[in-house]
Amino acid sequence: MTNTVEPTVAFAEQSLPEVLMRLVSELHDVAYLVERIEPHLLELGGDQFLEHPDSIKILQGIDLAVQKARGLAEFIDTITATIPDAWTVDVSTALSLVKLAEMQRSLATGIRHGHSQPLSKAAGDFDFF
């Protein structure tokens, strides 16, 4: 697996609102992934999980991370509505710093294949990276 987008994709000048909406989509995906952790922690930890003093702090931290990711997404979504489509930005340098190939592709082109970890994947499926 490669960790960069093929050079045939033109990154240079892209509509700023389009790029920001791709970022909004990624933030919603992050919130979705983090949100899925909490019930699994409770399931894996059993009744003893909540007996540990730091468990509530961990669960609150997970909830806060989800709220922050969604809050940032909504903030960016809202201000993006006021940005003219004619405004462009060169995303080449920023994309070169993104190490996850799927995220890089999504941010570069808007092409994505559902959530990062769809629920339809069977347990035990994994990707090498």
N, C-alpha and C. Protein backbone atom coordinates (compact mmCIF):
# COMPACT_ATOMS: atom_id res chain seq x y z
N MET A 1 0.84 -1.16 0.00
CA MET A 1 0.00 0.00 0.00
C MET A 1 0.89 1.23 0.00
N THR A 2 0.51 2.18 -0.79
CA THR A 2 1.27 3.42 -0.85
C THR A 2 0.64 4.45 0.08
N ASN A 3 1.42 5.36 0.55
CA ASN A 3 0.85 6.37 1.43
C ASN A 3 0.79 7.74 0.79
N THR A 4 0.81 7.79 -0.55
CA THR A 4 0.63 9.05 -1.24
C THR A 4 -0.35 8.87 -2.38
N VAL A 5 -1.01 9.94 -2.76
CA VAL A 5 -1.93 9.93 -3.88
C VAL A 5 -1.12 9.97 -5.16
N GLU A 6 -1.61 9.29 -6.20
CA GLU A 6 -0.92 9.25 -7.47
C GLU A 6 -0.70 10.67 -7.99
N PRO A 7 0.46 10.94 -8.58
CA PRO A 7 0.77 12.28 -9.04
C PRO A 7 -0.11 12.76 -10.19
N THR A 8 -0.93 11.88 -10.79
CA THR A 8 -1.79 12.28 -11.89
C THR A 8 -2.94 13.16 -11.41
N VAL A 9 -3.24 13.15 -10.12
CA VAL A 9 -4.30 13.98 -9.58
C VAL A 9 -3.78 15.41 -9.45
N ALA A 10 -4.49 16.37 -10.04
CA ALA A 10 -4.05 17.76 -9.98
C ALA A 10 -4.46 18.36 -8.64
N PHE A 11 -3.48 18.82 -7.89
CA PHE A 11 -3.75 19.38 -6.58
C PHE A 11 -3.82 20.89 -6.61
N ALA A 12 -3.07 21.51 -7.47
CA ALA A 12 -2.82 22.94 -7.41
C ALA A 12 -4.00 23.76 -6.91
N GLU A 13 -4.57 24.58 -7.70
CA GLU A 13 -5.62 25.50 -7.27
C GLU A 13 -6.97 24.78 -7.24
N GLN A 14 -7.55 24.74 -6.05
CA GLN A 14 -8.87 24.14 -5.88
C GLN A 14 -9.77 25.12 -5.13
N SER A 15 -11.05 24.98 -5.34
CA SER A 15 -12.02 25.83 -4.67
C SER A 15 -11.91 25.66 -3.16
N LEU A 16 -11.69 26.76 -2.44
CA LEU A 16 -11.55 26.70 -0.99
C LEU A 16 -12.79 26.10 -0.33
N PRO A 17 -14.01 26.51 -0.71
CA PRO A 17 -15.18 25.89 -0.08
C PRO A 17 -15.24 24.37 -0.28
N GLU A 18 -14.86 23.89 -1.46
CA GLU A 18 -14.86 22.44 -1.71
C GLU A 18 -13.85 21.74 -0.81
N VAL A 19 -12.67 22.31 -0.68
CA VAL A 19 -11.63 21.71 0.16
C VAL A 19 -12.09 21.69 1.62
N LEU A 20 -12.68 22.78 2.08
CA LEU A 20 -13.15 22.84 3.46
C LEU A 20 -14.27 21.83 3.71
N MET A 21 -15.14 21.62 2.74
CA MET A 21 -16.22 20.64 2.93
C MET A 21 -15.65 19.21 2.98
N ARG A 22 -14.56 18.97 2.29
CA ARG A 22 -13.89 17.67 2.41
C ARG A 22 -13.34 17.50 3.81
N LEU A 23 -12.80 18.57 4.37
CA LEU A 23 -12.31 18.55 5.74
C LEU A 23 -13.45 18.29 6.72
N VAL A 24 -14.59 18.90 6.49
CA VAL A 24 -15.79 18.67 7.31
C VAL A 24 -16.15 17.19 7.30
N SER A 25 -16.13 16.59 6.13
CA SER A 25 -16.44 15.17 6.00
C SER A 25 -15.46 14.31 6.79
N GLU A 26 -14.18 14.65 6.72
CA GLU A 26 -13.17 13.89 7.48
C GLU A 26 -13.37 14.04 8.98
N LEU A 27 -13.72 15.23 9.44
CA LEU A 27 -13.96 15.45 10.87
C LEU A 27 -15.17 14.65 11.35
N HIS A 28 -16.21 14.59 10.53
CA HIS A 28 -17.37 13.76 10.90
C HIS A 28 -16.97 12.29 10.96
N ASP A 29 -16.09 11.87 10.07
CA ASP A 29 -15.61 10.49 10.08
C ASP A 29 -14.81 10.20 11.34
N VAL A 30 -13.97 11.14 11.75
CA VAL A 30 -13.20 10.99 12.99
C VAL A 30 -14.15 10.86 14.17
N ALA A 31 -15.16 11.71 14.23
CA ALA A 31 -16.13 11.65 15.33
C ALA A 31 -16.82 10.29 15.36
N TYR A 32 -17.18 9.78 14.21
CA TYR A 32 -17.83 8.48 14.11
C TYR A 32 -16.92 7.37 14.63
N LEU A 33 -15.65 7.40 14.24
CA LEU A 33 -14.71 6.38 14.67
C LEU A 33 -14.48 6.42 16.18
N VAL A 34 -14.31 7.62 16.72
CA VAL A 34 -14.07 7.76 18.15
C VAL A 34 -15.31 7.34 18.95
N GLU A 35 -16.47 7.74 18.46
CA GLU A 35 -17.72 7.42 19.14
C GLU A 35 -17.93 5.91 19.28
N ARG A 36 -17.44 5.15 18.33
CA ARG A 36 -17.59 3.69 18.35
C ARG A 36 -16.72 3.03 19.42
N ILE A 37 -15.75 3.74 19.98
CA ILE A 37 -14.85 3.16 20.98
C ILE A 37 -15.56 2.90 22.30
N GLU A 38 -16.37 3.86 22.73
CA GLU A 38 -16.97 3.82 24.06
C GLU A 38 -17.74 2.53 24.36
N PRO A 39 -18.68 2.11 23.51
CA PRO A 39 -19.42 0.88 23.85
C PRO A 39 -18.52 -0.36 23.88
N HIS A 40 -17.47 -0.34 23.08
CA HIS A 40 -16.57 -1.50 23.07
C HIS A 40 -15.71 -1.54 24.34
N LEU A 41 -15.34 -0.38 24.84
CA LEU A 41 -14.61 -0.36 26.12
C LEU A 41 -15.47 -0.93 27.23
N LEU A 42 -16.73 -0.54 27.25
CA LEU A 42 -17.64 -1.04 28.28
C LEU A 42 -17.84 -2.55 28.15
N GLU A 43 -17.94 -3.02 26.90
CA GLU A 43 -18.14 -4.45 26.66
C GLU A 43 -16.89 -5.24 27.04
N LEU A 44 -15.73 -4.76 26.62
CA LEU A 44 -14.48 -5.47 26.90
C LEU A 44 -14.10 -5.42 28.38
N GLY A 45 -14.36 -4.28 29.02
CA GLY A 45 -13.98 -4.11 30.42
C GLY A 45 -14.94 -4.74 31.41
N GLY A 46 -16.15 -5.01 30.95
CA GLY A 46 -17.14 -5.61 31.84
C GLY A 46 -17.50 -4.68 32.98
N ASP A 47 -18.10 -5.25 34.02
CA ASP A 47 -18.54 -4.47 35.18
C ASP A 47 -17.37 -3.81 35.90
N GLN A 48 -16.19 -4.42 35.84
CA GLN A 48 -15.04 -3.88 36.55
C GLN A 48 -14.54 -2.58 35.93
N PHE A 49 -14.85 -2.35 34.67
CA PHE A 49 -14.36 -1.15 33.99
C PHE A 49 -14.82 0.11 34.70
N LEU A 50 -16.09 0.17 35.06
CA LEU A 50 -16.63 1.36 35.71
C LEU A 50 -16.22 1.50 37.17
N GLU A 51 -15.66 0.43 37.74
CA GLU A 51 -15.20 0.49 39.12
C GLU A 51 -13.88 1.24 39.25
N HIS A 52 -13.12 1.32 38.16
CA HIS A 52 -11.84 2.01 38.18
C HIS A 52 -12.10 3.52 38.14
N PRO A 53 -11.47 4.29 39.01
CA PRO A 53 -11.73 5.73 39.10
C PRO A 53 -11.48 6.51 37.80
N ASP A 54 -10.53 6.07 37.01
CA ASP A 54 -10.22 6.80 35.78
C ASP A 54 -11.16 6.44 34.62
N SER A 55 -11.98 5.43 34.79
CA SER A 55 -12.85 5.00 33.70
C SER A 55 -13.83 6.08 33.27
N ILE A 56 -14.43 6.76 34.22
CA ILE A 56 -15.38 7.82 33.88
C ILE A 56 -14.66 8.94 33.15
N LYS A 57 -13.44 9.26 33.59
CA LYS A 57 -12.66 10.30 32.91
C LYS A 57 -12.36 9.89 31.46
N ILE A 58 -12.07 8.62 31.27
CA ILE A 58 -11.79 8.13 29.92
C ILE A 58 -13.04 8.24 29.05
N LEU A 59 -14.17 7.81 29.59
CA LEU A 59 -15.43 7.89 28.83
C LEU A 59 -15.80 9.34 28.55
N GLN A 60 -15.59 10.23 29.52
CA GLN A 60 -15.86 11.65 29.30
C GLN A 60 -14.91 12.23 28.25
N GLY A 61 -13.67 11.77 28.24
CA GLY A 61 -12.70 12.22 27.25
C GLY A 61 -13.10 11.79 25.84
N ILE A 62 -13.61 10.57 25.73
CA ILE A 62 -14.09 10.08 24.43
C ILE A 62 -15.26 10.94 23.96
N ASP A 63 -16.19 11.19 24.87
CA ASP A 63 -17.36 12.01 24.53
C ASP A 63 -16.93 13.42 24.13
N LEU A 64 -15.97 13.99 24.85
CA LEU A 64 -15.48 15.33 24.54
C LEU A 64 -14.81 15.36 23.17
N ALA A 65 -14.02 14.34 22.86
CA ALA A 65 -13.35 14.27 21.56
C ALA A 65 -14.38 14.24 20.42
N VAL A 66 -15.44 13.47 20.60
CA VAL A 66 -16.51 13.40 19.59
C VAL A 66 -17.17 14.76 19.44
N GLN A 67 -17.51 15.39 20.57
CA GLN A 67 -18.15 16.70 20.52
C GLN A 67 -17.26 17.75 19.86
N LYS A 68 -15.96 17.71 20.17
CA LYS A 68 -15.03 18.68 19.57
C LYS A 68 -14.91 18.47 18.07
N ALA A 69 -14.77 17.22 17.63
CA ALA A 69 -14.66 16.94 16.20
C ALA A 69 -15.92 17.40 15.46
N ARG A 70 -17.08 17.09 16.03
CA ARG A 70 -18.33 17.53 15.39
C ARG A 70 -18.49 19.05 15.46
N GLY A 71 -18.07 19.66 16.56
CA GLY A 71 -18.14 21.11 16.68
C GLY A 71 -17.26 21.81 15.65
N LEU A 72 -16.04 21.30 15.47
CA LEU A 72 -15.14 21.86 14.46
C LEU A 72 -15.73 21.69 13.06
N ALA A 73 -16.31 20.53 12.80
CA ALA A 73 -16.94 20.28 11.50
C ALA A 73 -18.07 21.27 11.25
N GLU A 74 -18.91 21.49 12.24
CA GLU A 74 -20.03 22.42 12.09
C GLU A 74 -19.53 23.85 11.92
N PHE A 75 -18.50 24.22 12.66
CA PHE A 75 -17.92 25.55 12.55
C PHE A 75 -17.40 25.79 11.13
N ILE A 76 -16.60 24.84 10.64
CA ILE A 76 -16.04 24.97 9.28
C ILE A 76 -17.15 24.97 8.24
N ASP A 77 -18.14 24.10 8.42
CA ASP A 77 -19.28 24.02 7.49
C ASP A 77 -19.99 25.36 7.42
N THR A 78 -20.22 25.97 8.57
CA THR A 78 -20.96 27.23 8.63
C THR A 78 -20.18 28.38 7.99
N ILE A 79 -18.89 28.50 8.30
CA ILE A 79 -18.14 29.61 7.69
C ILE A 79 -17.89 29.37 6.21
N THR A 80 -17.86 28.11 5.79
CA THR A 80 -17.65 27.79 4.39
C THR A 80 -18.78 28.32 3.53
N ALA A 81 -19.98 28.35 4.08
CA ALA A 81 -21.14 28.84 3.32
C ALA A 81 -20.99 30.31 2.93
N THR A 82 -20.13 31.04 3.62
CA THR A 82 -19.95 32.47 3.32
C THR A 82 -18.76 32.74 2.40
N ILE A 83 -18.01 31.70 2.04
CA ILE A 83 -16.82 31.88 1.20
C ILE A 83 -17.20 31.72 -0.26
N PRO A 84 -16.87 32.68 -1.09
CA PRO A 84 -17.18 32.58 -2.52
C PRO A 84 -16.48 31.37 -3.16
N ASP A 85 -17.18 30.70 -4.08
CA ASP A 85 -16.62 29.54 -4.77
C ASP A 85 -15.38 29.90 -5.58
N ALA A 86 -15.27 31.16 -5.96
CA ALA A 86 -14.13 31.59 -6.78
C ALA A 86 -12.82 31.62 -6.00
N TRP A 87 -12.91 31.62 -4.68
CA TRP A 87 -11.69 31.61 -3.88
C TRP A 87 -11.02 30.25 -4.01
N THR A 88 -9.76 30.26 -4.31
CA THR A 88 -9.02 29.01 -4.48
C THR A 88 -7.83 28.96 -3.53
N VAL A 89 -7.34 27.74 -3.37
CA VAL A 89 -6.20 27.52 -2.50
C VAL A 89 -5.36 26.40 -3.11
N ASP A 90 -4.06 26.50 -2.96
CA ASP A 90 -3.15 25.45 -3.42
C ASP A 90 -2.99 24.47 -2.26
N VAL A 91 -3.45 23.25 -2.44
CA VAL A 91 -3.43 22.26 -1.36
C VAL A 91 -2.25 21.30 -1.46
N SER A 92 -1.37 21.50 -2.41
CA SER A 92 -0.25 20.57 -2.65
C SER A 92 0.60 20.32 -1.41
N THR A 93 1.09 21.37 -0.79
CA THR A 93 1.95 21.22 0.37
C THR A 93 1.21 20.58 1.52
N ALA A 94 -0.01 21.04 1.78
CA ALA A 94 -0.80 20.48 2.89
C ALA A 94 -1.06 18.99 2.67
N LEU A 95 -1.40 18.61 1.45
CA LEU A 95 -1.65 17.19 1.17
C LEU A 95 -0.41 16.34 1.33
N SER A 96 0.74 16.90 1.02
CA SER A 96 1.97 16.12 1.14
C SER A 96 2.27 15.78 2.60
N LEU A 97 1.68 16.50 3.54
CA LEU A 97 1.90 16.25 4.96
C LEU A 97 0.93 15.22 5.54
N VAL A 98 -0.12 14.90 4.80
CA VAL A 98 -1.11 13.90 5.25
C VAL A 98 -0.55 12.52 4.92
N LYS A 99 -0.41 11.68 5.94
CA LYS A 99 0.26 10.39 5.75
C LYS A 99 -0.69 9.24 5.42
N LEU A 100 -1.97 9.37 5.74
CA LEU A 100 -2.91 8.30 5.43
C LEU A 100 -3.41 8.45 3.99
N ALA A 101 -3.19 7.43 3.17
CA ALA A 101 -3.51 7.52 1.74
C ALA A 101 -4.98 7.79 1.49
N GLU A 102 -5.87 7.10 2.21
CA GLU A 102 -7.30 7.31 2.00
C GLU A 102 -7.71 8.74 2.35
N MET A 103 -7.18 9.26 3.45
CA MET A 103 -7.50 10.63 3.84
C MET A 103 -6.92 11.61 2.84
N GLN A 104 -5.72 11.36 2.40
CA GLN A 104 -5.09 12.23 1.42
C GLN A 104 -5.91 12.27 0.13
N ARG A 105 -6.37 11.11 -0.32
CA ARG A 105 -7.17 11.01 -1.54
C ARG A 105 -8.50 11.74 -1.35
N SER A 106 -9.12 11.54 -0.20
CA SER A 106 -10.39 12.18 0.09
C SER A 106 -10.26 13.71 0.13
N LEU A 107 -9.21 14.18 0.78
CA LEU A 107 -9.00 15.63 0.86
C LEU A 107 -8.62 16.22 -0.50
N ALA A 108 -7.93 15.45 -1.32
CA ALA A 108 -7.48 15.94 -2.62
C ALA A 108 -8.60 15.96 -3.65
N THR A 109 -9.45 14.95 -3.62
CA THR A 109 -10.41 14.78 -4.70
C THR A 109 -11.87 14.73 -4.26
N GLY A 110 -12.08 14.50 -2.98
CA GLY A 110 -13.46 14.35 -2.50
C GLY A 110 -13.97 12.94 -2.70
N ILE A 111 -13.17 12.07 -3.29
CA ILE A 111 -13.59 10.69 -3.51
C ILE A 111 -13.31 9.89 -2.25
N ARG A 112 -14.37 9.29 -1.73
CA ARG A 112 -14.21 8.44 -0.55
C ARG A 112 -15.16 7.27 -0.68
N HIS A 113 -14.87 6.26 0.07
CA HIS A 113 -15.66 5.04 0.01
C HIS A 113 -16.29 4.78 1.37
N GLY A 114 -17.21 5.63 1.78
CA GLY A 114 -17.88 5.45 3.06
C GLY A 114 -16.98 5.84 4.21
N HIS A 115 -17.30 5.33 5.39
CA HIS A 115 -16.51 5.62 6.58
C HIS A 115 -15.19 4.87 6.53
N SER A 116 -14.25 5.32 7.34
CA SER A 116 -12.94 4.68 7.40
C SER A 116 -13.03 3.21 7.79
N GLN A 117 -13.93 2.91 8.71
CA GLN A 117 -14.12 1.53 9.15
C GLN A 117 -15.61 1.19 9.08
N PRO A 118 -16.07 0.77 7.91
CA PRO A 118 -17.50 0.46 7.80
C PRO A 118 -17.89 -0.69 8.71
N LEU A 119 -19.11 -0.64 9.21
CA LEU A 119 -19.60 -1.68 10.11
C LEU A 119 -19.72 -3.03 9.42
N SER A 120 -19.75 -3.03 8.08
CA SER A 120 -19.92 -4.27 7.35
C SER A 120 -18.66 -5.13 7.31
N LYS A 121 -17.51 -4.58 7.71
CA LYS A 121 -16.28 -5.38 7.73
C LYS A 121 -16.40 -6.46 8.79
N ALA A 122 -15.96 -7.64 8.45
CA ALA A 122 -16.01 -8.73 9.41
C ALA A 122 -14.94 -8.55 10.47
N ALA A 123 -15.22 -9.05 11.66
CA ALA A 123 -14.23 -8.98 12.74
C ALA A 123 -12.98 -9.71 12.28
N GLY A 124 -11.86 -9.12 12.54
CA GLY A 124 -10.60 -9.75 12.15
C GLY A 124 -10.04 -9.19 10.86
N ASP A 125 -10.88 -8.50 10.05
CA ASP A 125 -10.39 -7.86 8.83
C ASP A 125 -9.48 -6.71 9.23
N PHE A 126 -8.39 -6.54 8.50
CA PHE A 126 -7.52 -5.42 8.78
C PHE A 126 -6.73 -5.08 7.54
N ASP A 127 -6.20 -3.89 7.50
CA ASP A 127 -5.37 -3.42 6.41
C ASP A 127 -3.95 -3.26 6.92
N PHE A 128 -2.98 -3.69 6.11
CA PHE A 128 -1.58 -3.47 6.46
C PHE A 128 -1.23 -2.03 6.15
N PHE A 129 -0.42 -1.43 6.98
CA PHE A 129 0.04 -0.06 6.70
C PHE A 129 1.46 0.09 7.13
